[in-house]
Amino acid sequence: MKPAGSWASIAAGRHDRWLHEVLDPLRGYRIPVFFTLHHEPENDAGGHGMAPSDFVAMQRRLLRIARNSCPNVTVVPVLQHWTFDPRRSDAQPGRWVVPEADVFGVDIYNPWSPSNGLRWRSFGAKAQEVRRWAGNTPMAVAEYGCRVDRRSPGRAVRWMRDAFVYTRDHNIVSMSYFNSETSRHESWELHGACEDVFARTLRRERVARIRAPR
């Protein structure tokens, strides 16, 4: 969710009551919860109290409160892969990293579409560019997606399958597909064979299943 004020104001403790109002009910679920405060913050950086250092400070305060009051809640700061893209010289990804976080969150998309001319990239190749900053911290992929190449439909199916294999071998503990038509280019929606491989993946033994207590 988005914060109730600027990152700096939350880091300074001026919204602690609001944080408790949000977090404390989650404790009652008695199941593991991932909580993200300001997903993809890079889009909103700038202005008073909204620098990368303010974001990190806000996450540190949130981590302290969650660990003390909601042991079932894991705070997962989620950043964009673009921040870690080695082709960039202006991003300074180290400014965004929260080393105290127990899980390192990131969004990973294959940027290719039939109309944008971008290079087809594997999930693993992009994840590796983030891993050097995550170190040994487990990673969670809050959003991922791949469009279908209608000239070669099996290409996206392999991408989906290979993404799951990569997570199994590289300490990625969670991933959520962005099943949406919302995009500057073609849709990310799952259809046909890609949806089938996603469903089969969910049935794998390695996928955790948590039954919420009644």
C-alpha atoms as a PDB file:
ATOM      1  CA  MET A   1       0.000   0.000   0.000  1.00  0.00           C
ATOM      2  CA  LYS A   2       0.986   3.643  -0.282  1.00  0.00           C
ATOM      3  CA  PRO A   3       2.114   5.586   2.823  1.00  0.00           C
ATOM      4  CA  ALA A   4      -0.022   8.081   4.696  1.00  0.00           C
ATOM      5  CA  GLY A   5       2.610  10.822   4.398  1.00  0.00           C
ATOM      6  CA  SER A   6       6.055  11.486   3.014  1.00  0.00           C
ATOM      7  CA  TRP A   7       8.738   8.875   3.526  1.00  0.00           C
ATOM      8  CA  ALA A   8      10.653  11.210   5.817  1.00  0.00           C
ATOM      9  CA  SER A   9       7.615  11.910   8.004  1.00  0.00           C
ATOM     10  CA  ILE A  10       6.980   8.202   8.502  1.00  0.00           C
ATOM     11  CA  ALA A  11      10.663   7.576   9.217  1.00  0.00           C
ATOM     12  CA  ALA A  12      10.509  10.321  11.873  1.00  0.00           C
ATOM     13  CA  GLY A  13       7.666   8.532  13.663  1.00  0.00           C
ATOM     14  CA  ARG A  14       4.901  11.017  12.877  1.00  0.00           C
ATOM     15  CA  HIS A  15       2.673   8.252  11.493  1.00  0.00           C
ATOM     16  CA  ASP A  16       3.325   5.447  13.981  1.00  0.00           C
ATOM     17  CA  ARG A  17      -0.321   5.320  14.981  1.00  0.00           C
ATOM     18  CA  TRP A  18      -1.326   4.830  11.362  1.00  0.00           C
ATOM     19  CA  LEU A  19       1.276   2.074  10.928  1.00  0.00           C
ATOM     20  CA  HIS A  20      -0.148   0.236  13.936  1.00  0.00           C
ATOM     21  CA  GLU A  21      -3.680   0.630  12.615  1.00  0.00           C
ATOM     22  CA  VAL A  22      -2.553  -1.025   9.392  1.00  0.00           C
ATOM     23  CA  LEU A  23      -0.286  -3.716  10.817  1.00  0.00           C
ATOM     24  CA  ASP A  24      -1.984  -4.825  14.015  1.00  0.00           C
ATOM     25  CA  PRO A  25      -5.038  -6.425  12.338  1.00  0.00           C
ATOM     26  CA  LEU A  26      -2.690  -8.553  10.216  1.00  0.00           C
ATOM     27  CA  ARG A  27      -1.435 -10.231  13.375  1.00  0.00           C
ATOM     28  CA  GLY A  28      -4.876 -11.771  13.824  1.00  0.00           C
ATOM     29  CA  TYR A  29      -4.631 -13.760  10.594  1.00  0.00           C
ATOM     30  CA  ARG A  30      -2.103 -16.156  12.177  1.00  0.00           C
ATOM     31  CA  ILE A  31      -0.610 -16.889   8.770  1.00  0.00           C
ATOM     32  CA  PRO A  32       2.530 -15.490   7.100  1.00  0.00           C
ATOM     33  CA  VAL A  33       1.938 -12.098   5.470  1.00  0.00           C
ATOM     34  CA  PHE A  34       4.165 -10.119   3.110  1.00  0.00           C
ATOM     35  CA  PHE A  35       3.642  -6.380   3.553  1.00  0.00           C
ATOM     36  CA  THR A  36       4.966  -3.738   1.155  1.00  0.00           C
ATOM     37  CA  LEU A  37       4.841  -0.023   1.883  1.00  0.00           C
ATOM     38  CA  HIS A  38       5.135   1.977  -1.351  1.00  0.00           C
ATOM     39  CA  HIS A  39       5.695  -0.543  -4.102  1.00  0.00           C
ATOM     40  CA  GLU A  40       8.035   0.735  -6.856  1.00  0.00           C
ATOM     41  CA  PRO A  41       9.004   3.907  -4.980  1.00  0.00           C
ATOM     42  CA  GLU A  42      11.279   5.084  -7.781  1.00  0.00           C
ATOM     43  CA  ASN A  43       8.230   6.435  -9.627  1.00  0.00           C
ATOM     44  CA  ASP A  44       7.463   8.895  -6.813  1.00  0.00           C
ATOM     45  CA  ALA A  45      10.911  10.000  -5.699  1.00  0.00           C
ATOM     46  CA  GLY A  46      11.662  13.706  -5.552  1.00  0.00           C
ATOM     47  CA  GLY A  47      10.373  16.552  -3.523  1.00  0.00           C
ATOM     48  CA  HIS A  48      10.651  17.186   0.187  1.00  0.00           C
ATOM     49  CA  GLY A  49      10.985  14.037   2.251  1.00  0.00           C
ATOM     50  CA  MET A  50      10.917  11.725  -0.785  1.00  0.00           C
ATOM     51  CA  ALA A  51      14.588  10.954  -1.436  1.00  0.00           C
ATOM     52  CA  PRO A  52      15.915   7.372  -1.623  1.00  0.00           C
ATOM     53  CA  SER A  53      17.485   7.815   1.814  1.00  0.00           C
ATOM     54  CA  ASP A  54      14.043   8.751   3.174  1.00  0.00           C
ATOM     55  CA  PHE A  55      12.571   5.603   1.638  1.00  0.00           C
ATOM     56  CA  VAL A  56      15.208   3.445   3.318  1.00  0.00           C
ATOM     57  CA  ALA A  57      14.671   5.203   6.659  1.00  0.00           C
ATOM     58  CA  MET A  58      10.908   4.646   6.378  1.00  0.00           C
ATOM     59  CA  GLN A  59      11.441   0.937   5.752  1.00  0.00           C
ATOM     60  CA  ARG A  60      13.725   0.687   8.766  1.00  0.00           C
ATOM     61  CA  ARG A  61      11.083   2.177  11.045  1.00  0.00           C
ATOM     62  CA  LEU A  62       8.432  -0.085   9.556  1.00  0.00           C
ATOM     63  CA  LEU A  63      10.659  -3.110  10.072  1.00  0.00           C
ATOM     64  CA  ARG A  64      11.167  -2.289  13.757  1.00  0.00           C
ATOM     65  CA  ILE A  65       7.450  -1.852  14.374  1.00  0.00           C
ATOM     66  CA  ALA A  66       6.437  -4.976  12.449  1.00  0.00           C
ATOM     67  CA  ARG A  67       9.016  -7.169  14.161  1.00  0.00           C
ATOM     68  CA  ASN A  68       7.931  -5.994  17.593  1.00  0.00           C
ATOM     69  CA  SER A  69       4.165  -6.154  17.120  1.00  0.00           C
ATOM     70  CA  CYS A  70       3.430  -8.564  14.228  1.00  0.00           C
ATOM     71  CA  PRO A  71       5.844 -11.503  14.072  1.00  0.00           C
ATOM     72  CA  ASN A  72       3.831 -13.107  11.249  1.00  0.00           C
ATOM     73  CA  VAL A  73       4.362 -10.045   9.011  1.00  0.00           C
ATOM     74  CA  THR A  74       7.436  -9.836   6.794  1.00  0.00           C
ATOM     75  CA  VAL A  75       8.174  -6.374   5.414  1.00  0.00           C
ATOM     76  CA  VAL A  76       9.237  -6.606   1.761  1.00  0.00           C
ATOM     77  CA  PRO A  77      10.488  -3.399   0.109  1.00  0.00           C
ATOM     78  CA  VAL A  78       9.766  -3.827  -3.621  1.00  0.00           C
ATOM     79  CA  LEU A  79      11.876  -2.033  -6.256  1.00  0.00           C
ATOM     80  CA  GLN A  80      11.912  -2.001 -10.053  1.00  0.00           C
ATOM     81  CA  HIS A  81      14.355  -4.098 -12.011  1.00  0.00           C
ATOM     82  CA  TRP A  82      15.094  -0.973 -14.074  1.00  0.00           C
ATOM     83  CA  THR A  83      16.854   0.475 -11.029  1.00  0.00           C
ATOM     84  CA  PHE A  84      19.390  -2.374 -11.225  1.00  0.00           C
ATOM     85  CA  ASP A  85      19.787  -2.503 -14.991  1.00  0.00           C
ATOM     86  CA  PRO A  86      23.556  -2.337 -15.712  1.00  0.00           C
ATOM     87  CA  ARG A  87      22.891  -0.237 -18.812  1.00  0.00           C
ATOM     88  CA  ARG A  88      21.941   2.666 -16.556  1.00  0.00           C
ATOM     89  CA  SER A  89      24.511   5.061 -15.169  1.00  0.00           C
ATOM     90  CA  ASP A  90      22.129   7.310 -13.238  1.00  0.00           C
ATOM     91  CA  ALA A  91      20.145   4.972 -10.972  1.00  0.00           C
ATOM     92  CA  GLN A  92      22.616   4.342  -8.092  1.00  0.00           C
ATOM     93  CA  PRO A  93      20.722   1.243  -6.899  1.00  0.00           C
ATOM     94  CA  GLY A  94      22.620   1.046  -3.634  1.00  0.00           C
ATOM     95  CA  ARG A  95      20.722   4.112  -2.413  1.00  0.00           C
ATOM     96  CA  TRP A  96      17.443   2.148  -2.526  1.00  0.00           C
ATOM     97  CA  VAL A  97      18.538  -1.096  -0.890  1.00  0.00           C
ATOM     98  CA  VAL A  98      17.300  -1.820   2.657  1.00  0.00           C
ATOM     99  CA  PRO A  99      19.933  -4.222   4.042  1.00  0.00           C
ATOM    100  CA  GLU A 100      17.926  -4.928   7.201  1.00  0.00           C
ATOM    101  CA  ALA A 101      14.988  -6.409   5.248  1.00  0.00           C
ATOM    102  CA  ASP A 102      14.549 -10.171   5.531  1.00  0.00           C
ATOM    103  CA  VAL A 103      13.290 -10.414   1.940  1.00  0.00           C
ATOM    104  CA  PHE A 104      14.429  -8.407  -1.086  1.00  0.00           C
ATOM    105  CA  GLY A 105      11.518  -7.464  -3.358  1.00  0.00           C
ATOM    106  CA  VAL A 106      11.682  -6.659  -7.059  1.00  0.00           C
ATOM    107  CA  ASP A 107       9.499  -6.601 -10.198  1.00  0.00           C
ATOM    108  CA  ILE A 108      10.797  -8.446 -13.275  1.00  0.00           C
ATOM    109  CA  TYR A 109       9.292  -8.299 -16.765  1.00  0.00           C
ATOM    110  CA  ASN A 110      10.405  -9.483 -20.166  1.00  0.00           C
ATOM    111  CA  PRO A 111      10.186  -6.076 -21.909  1.00  0.00           C
ATOM    112  CA  TRP A 112       9.605  -7.432 -25.421  1.00  0.00           C
ATOM    113  CA  SER A 113       6.375  -6.873 -27.344  1.00  0.00           C
ATOM    114  CA  PRO A 114       5.574  -7.229 -31.072  1.00  0.00           C
ATOM    115  CA  SER A 115       5.416  -3.448 -31.410  1.00  0.00           C
ATOM    116  CA  ASN A 116       8.139  -2.004 -29.197  1.00  0.00           C
ATOM    117  CA  GLY A 117      11.250  -3.552 -30.728  1.00  0.00           C
ATOM    118  CA  LEU A 118      12.842  -4.259 -27.324  1.00  0.00           C
ATOM    119  CA  ARG A 119      15.099  -7.245 -26.793  1.00  0.00           C
ATOM    120  CA  TRP A 120      13.592 -10.499 -25.510  1.00  0.00           C
ATOM    121  CA  ARG A 121      15.114 -11.211 -22.103  1.00  0.00           C
ATOM    122  CA  SER A 122      14.872 -14.219 -19.836  1.00  0.00           C
ATOM    123  CA  PHE A 123      13.628 -14.010 -16.266  1.00  0.00           C
ATOM    124  CA  GLY A 124      16.917 -15.404 -14.977  1.00  0.00           C
ATOM    125  CA  ALA A 125      19.081 -12.895 -16.828  1.00  0.00           C
ATOM    126  CA  LYS A 126      17.196  -9.991 -15.314  1.00  0.00           C
ATOM    127  CA  ALA A 127      17.067 -11.556 -11.848  1.00  0.00           C
ATOM    128  CA  GLN A 128      20.838 -12.013 -11.909  1.00  0.00           C
ATOM    129  CA  GLU A 129      21.260  -8.261 -12.361  1.00  0.00           C
ATOM    130  CA  VAL A 130      19.397  -7.746  -9.093  1.00  0.00           C
ATOM    131  CA  ARG A 131      21.004 -10.624  -7.195  1.00  0.00           C
ATOM    132  CA  ARG A 132      24.348  -8.860  -6.878  1.00  0.00           C
ATOM    133  CA  TRP A 133      22.584  -6.215  -4.769  1.00  0.00           C
ATOM    134  CA  ALA A 134      20.409  -8.661  -2.827  1.00  0.00           C
ATOM    135  CA  GLY A 135      23.382 -10.780  -1.800  1.00  0.00           C
ATOM    136  CA  ASN A 136      22.243 -13.837   0.179  1.00  0.00           C
ATOM    137  CA  THR A 137      18.885 -12.298   1.106  1.00  0.00           C
ATOM    138  CA  PRO A 138      15.902 -14.299  -0.210  1.00  0.00           C
ATOM    139  CA  MET A 139      14.111 -12.541  -3.051  1.00  0.00           C
ATOM    140  CA  ALA A 140      10.388 -12.076  -3.708  1.00  0.00           C
ATOM    141  CA  VAL A 141       9.168 -11.120  -7.176  1.00  0.00           C
ATOM    142  CA  ALA A 142       6.118  -8.970  -6.558  1.00  0.00           C
ATOM    143  CA  GLU A 143       5.280  -8.730 -10.273  1.00  0.00           C
ATOM    144  CA  TYR A 144       6.496 -10.614 -13.327  1.00  0.00           C
ATOM    145  CA  GLY A 145       5.220 -10.978 -16.856  1.00  0.00           C
ATOM    146  CA  CYS A 146       5.931 -12.063 -20.408  1.00  0.00           C
ATOM    147  CA  ARG A 147       4.000 -11.339 -23.609  1.00  0.00           C
ATOM    148  CA  VAL A 148       3.270 -13.989 -26.237  1.00  0.00           C
ATOM    149  CA  ASP A 149       5.146 -13.937 -29.531  1.00  0.00           C
ATOM    150  CA  ARG A 150       2.415 -15.077 -31.921  1.00  0.00           C
ATOM    151  CA  ARG A 151       5.018 -16.094 -34.499  1.00  0.00           C
ATOM    152  CA  SER A 152       6.513 -18.463 -31.929  1.00  0.00           C
ATOM    153  CA  PRO A 153       3.943 -19.175 -29.169  1.00  0.00           C
ATOM    154  CA  GLY A 154       6.146 -21.703 -27.426  1.00  0.00           C
ATOM    155  CA  ARG A 155       8.689 -19.007 -26.678  1.00  0.00           C
ATOM    156  CA  ALA A 156       6.588 -17.462 -23.891  1.00  0.00           C
ATOM    157  CA  VAL A 157       5.711 -20.906 -22.525  1.00  0.00           C
ATOM    158  CA  ARG A 158       9.409 -21.693 -22.179  1.00  0.00           C
ATOM    159  CA  TRP A 159       9.965 -18.282 -20.567  1.00  0.00           C
ATOM    160  CA  MET A 160       7.316 -19.047 -17.939  1.00  0.00           C
ATOM    161  CA  ARG A 161       8.667 -22.521 -17.269  1.00  0.00           C
ATOM    162  CA  ASP A 162      12.269 -21.333 -17.086  1.00  0.00           C
ATOM    163  CA  ALA A 163      11.290 -18.558 -14.663  1.00  0.00           C
ATOM    164  CA  PHE A 164       9.987 -21.111 -12.188  1.00  0.00           C
ATOM    165  CA  VAL A 165      13.076 -23.292 -12.569  1.00  0.00           C
ATOM    166  CA  TYR A 166      15.262 -20.268 -11.886  1.00  0.00           C
ATOM    167  CA  THR A 167      13.389 -19.435  -8.670  1.00  0.00           C
ATOM    168  CA  ARG A 168      13.852 -22.983  -7.450  1.00  0.00           C
ATOM    169  CA  ASP A 169      17.631 -22.782  -7.796  1.00  0.00           C
ATOM    170  CA  HIS A 170      18.252 -19.159  -6.766  1.00  0.00           C
ATOM    171  CA  ASN A 171      16.506 -18.535  -3.446  1.00  0.00           C
ATOM    172  CA  ILE A 172      13.455 -16.720  -4.806  1.00  0.00           C
ATOM    173  CA  VAL A 173      10.737 -17.535  -2.286  1.00  0.00           C
ATOM    174  CA  SER A 174       7.687 -15.854  -3.826  1.00  0.00           C
ATOM    175  CA  MET A 175       6.477 -14.649  -7.218  1.00  0.00           C
ATOM    176  CA  SER A 176       3.212 -13.086  -8.426  1.00  0.00           C
ATOM    177  CA  TYR A 177       2.254 -12.917 -12.088  1.00  0.00           C
ATOM    178  CA  PHE A 178       0.887  -9.522 -13.231  1.00  0.00           C
ATOM    179  CA  ASN A 179      -2.165 -10.901 -15.023  1.00  0.00           C
ATOM    180  CA  SER A 180      -3.416  -7.612 -16.405  1.00  0.00           C
ATOM    181  CA  GLU A 181      -4.144  -5.914 -19.701  1.00  0.00           C
ATOM    182  CA  THR A 182      -2.766  -2.673 -18.233  1.00  0.00           C
ATOM    183  CA  SER A 183       0.340  -1.809 -20.243  1.00  0.00           C
ATOM    184  CA  ARG A 184       1.835   0.839 -22.500  1.00  0.00           C
ATOM    185  CA  HIS A 185       2.116  -1.887 -25.132  1.00  0.00           C
ATOM    186  CA  GLU A 186       0.369  -5.250 -25.453  1.00  0.00           C
ATOM    187  CA  SER A 187      -1.414  -6.981 -22.580  1.00  0.00           C
ATOM    188  CA  TRP A 188       0.326  -9.092 -19.921  1.00  0.00           C
ATOM    189  CA  GLU A 189      -2.745 -11.311 -19.526  1.00  0.00           C
ATOM    190  CA  LEU A 190      -2.273 -15.076 -19.351  1.00  0.00           C
ATOM    191  CA  HIS A 191      -3.997 -17.077 -22.088  1.00  0.00           C
ATOM    192  CA  GLY A 192      -3.831 -20.536 -23.597  1.00  0.00           C
ATOM    193  CA  ALA A 193      -0.594 -22.441 -23.187  1.00  0.00           C
ATOM    194  CA  CYS A 194       0.960 -19.783 -20.924  1.00  0.00           C
ATOM    195  CA  GLU A 195      -1.995 -20.002 -18.564  1.00  0.00           C
ATOM    196  CA  ASP A 196      -1.744 -23.794 -18.653  1.00  0.00           C
ATOM    197  CA  VAL A 197       1.934 -23.811 -17.710  1.00  0.00           C
ATOM    198  CA  PHE A 198       1.217 -21.328 -14.915  1.00  0.00           C
ATOM    199  CA  ALA A 199      -1.526 -23.613 -13.559  1.00  0.00           C
ATOM    200  CA  ARG A 200       0.761 -26.643 -13.741  1.00  0.00           C
ATOM    201  CA  THR A 201       3.443 -24.706 -11.904  1.00  0.00           C
ATOM    202  CA  LEU A 202       1.031 -23.980  -9.065  1.00  0.00           C
ATOM    203  CA  ARG A 203       0.512 -27.714  -8.619  1.00  0.00           C
ATOM    204  CA  ARG A 204       4.224 -28.426  -8.165  1.00  0.00           C
ATOM    205  CA  GLU A 205       5.270 -29.856  -4.819  1.00  0.00           C
ATOM    206  CA  ARG A 206       7.611 -26.951  -4.197  1.00  0.00           C
ATOM    207  CA  VAL A 207       4.735 -24.431  -4.143  1.00  0.00           C
ATOM    208  CA  ALA A 208       3.660 -23.676  -0.559  1.00  0.00           C
ATOM    209  CA  ARG A 209       0.007 -24.057   0.353  1.00  0.00           C
ATOM    210  CA  ILE A 210      -1.239 -22.284   3.449  1.00  0.00           C
ATOM    211  CA  ARG A 211      -4.722 -22.858   4.760  1.00  0.00           C
ATOM    212  CA  ALA A 212      -6.037 -19.848   6.641  1.00  0.00           C
ATOM    213  CA  PRO A 213      -7.425 -20.758  10.078  1.00  0.00           C
ATOM    214  CA  ARG A 214     -11.136 -20.207  10.504  1.00  0.00           C
END
